[in-house]
Protein backbone atom coordinates (compact mmCIF):
# COMPACT_ATOMS: atom_id res chain seq x y z
CA MET A 1 -60.49 -78.80 -52.43
CA SER A 2 -64.01 -79.51 -51.29
CA SER A 3 -66.89 -77.45 -52.59
CA LYS A 4 -69.49 -75.93 -50.28
CA ILE A 5 -72.84 -74.31 -50.90
CA SER A 6 -75.03 -72.48 -48.41
CA VAL A 7 -78.78 -72.17 -48.96
CA ILE A 8 -80.79 -69.66 -46.97
CA GLY A 9 -84.33 -70.87 -46.40
CA GLY A 10 -85.51 -74.21 -45.06
CA GLY A 11 -88.92 -74.22 -46.71
CA SER A 12 -89.95 -76.18 -49.78
CA TRP A 13 -87.94 -74.07 -52.26
CA GLY A 14 -84.74 -73.95 -50.18
CA THR A 15 -84.90 -77.66 -49.36
CA ALA A 16 -85.45 -78.58 -53.02
CA LEU A 17 -82.56 -76.32 -54.05
CA ALA A 18 -80.29 -77.88 -51.41
CA GLN A 19 -81.20 -81.39 -52.58
CA VAL A 20 -80.43 -80.60 -56.24
CA ALA A 21 -77.18 -78.84 -55.29
CA SER A 22 -76.11 -81.78 -53.13
CA PHE A 23 -75.64 -83.94 -56.23
CA ASN A 24 -72.97 -81.54 -57.54
CA THR A 25 -71.06 -80.41 -54.45
CA ASP A 26 -69.39 -81.93 -51.41
CA GLN A 27 -71.26 -80.06 -48.66
CA VAL A 28 -74.53 -78.16 -48.47
CA LEU A 29 -75.43 -76.04 -45.46
CA LEU A 30 -79.12 -75.18 -45.24
CA TYR A 31 -80.19 -72.29 -43.00
CA ALA A 32 -83.68 -72.66 -41.51
CA ARG A 33 -85.31 -70.60 -38.77
CA ASP A 34 -87.44 -73.48 -37.48
CA GLN A 35 -85.44 -75.57 -34.98
CA GLU A 36 -87.64 -78.63 -35.67
CA VAL A 37 -86.74 -78.48 -39.38
CA VAL A 38 -83.04 -78.21 -38.49
CA LYS A 39 -83.28 -81.14 -36.09
CA SER A 40 -85.20 -83.31 -38.57
CA ILE A 41 -82.70 -82.66 -41.38
CA ASN A 42 -79.64 -83.27 -39.20
CA GLU A 43 -80.95 -86.35 -37.40
CA LYS A 44 -83.07 -88.07 -40.06
CA SER A 45 -82.14 -86.42 -43.38
CA LEU A 46 -85.78 -85.40 -43.75
CA ASN A 47 -87.57 -82.08 -43.82
CA LYS A 48 -90.71 -83.43 -42.15
CA GLN A 49 -92.60 -80.17 -42.50
CA TYR A 50 -92.25 -79.74 -46.28
CA PHE A 51 -91.04 -83.06 -47.77
CA PRO A 52 -91.82 -85.81 -45.25
CA GLU A 53 -91.41 -88.60 -47.83
CA VAL A 54 -88.16 -87.41 -49.44
CA LYS A 55 -84.88 -88.67 -47.99
CA LEU A 56 -82.30 -85.88 -48.34
CA ASN A 57 -78.72 -86.63 -49.30
CA SER A 58 -76.33 -87.11 -46.39
CA ASN A 59 -74.11 -84.18 -47.42
CA ILE A 60 -76.89 -81.73 -46.47
CA LYS A 61 -76.62 -80.29 -42.97
CA ALA A 62 -78.90 -77.67 -41.41
CA THR A 63 -78.39 -74.81 -38.99
CA ASN A 64 -80.44 -71.99 -37.54
CA ASN A 65 -77.33 -69.89 -36.90
CA ILE A 66 -77.06 -67.55 -39.89
CA ASP A 67 -73.56 -66.42 -38.86
CA PHE A 68 -72.27 -69.97 -39.29
CA GLY A 69 -73.79 -70.07 -42.76
CA GLN A 70 -72.01 -66.87 -43.74
CA VAL A 71 -68.64 -68.12 -42.51
CA THR A 72 -68.69 -71.14 -44.83
CA VAL A 73 -69.16 -69.09 -48.00
CA GLU A 74 -65.90 -68.95 -49.94
CA ARG A 75 -67.24 -67.35 -53.11
CA ALA A 76 -70.61 -65.69 -53.06
CA ARG A 77 -72.84 -65.93 -56.09
CA HIS A 78 -76.48 -65.12 -56.20
CA ARG A 79 -79.26 -65.36 -58.68
CA VAL A 80 -82.69 -63.83 -58.60
CA PHE A 81 -85.35 -65.97 -60.21
CA ARG A 82 -88.53 -64.33 -61.38
CA GLY A 83 -91.63 -66.19 -62.45
């Protein structure tokens, strides 16, 4: 059984979270509103806007279709982090 994680948010925090998660799961789906961020991640494994020098792992894919992100969730868990 493959494991999947969905991350909502393609900014610096969401991208960093997706990168860390990608070391411990088979597939990571990152939802980003910005089509250029989605394109950059899917074509070059880079989030040029927030981490232009960091090569993302190949098991990270991006989408701007939030419905697709919701479909891939098998078990939902959430955490709220407060500073």
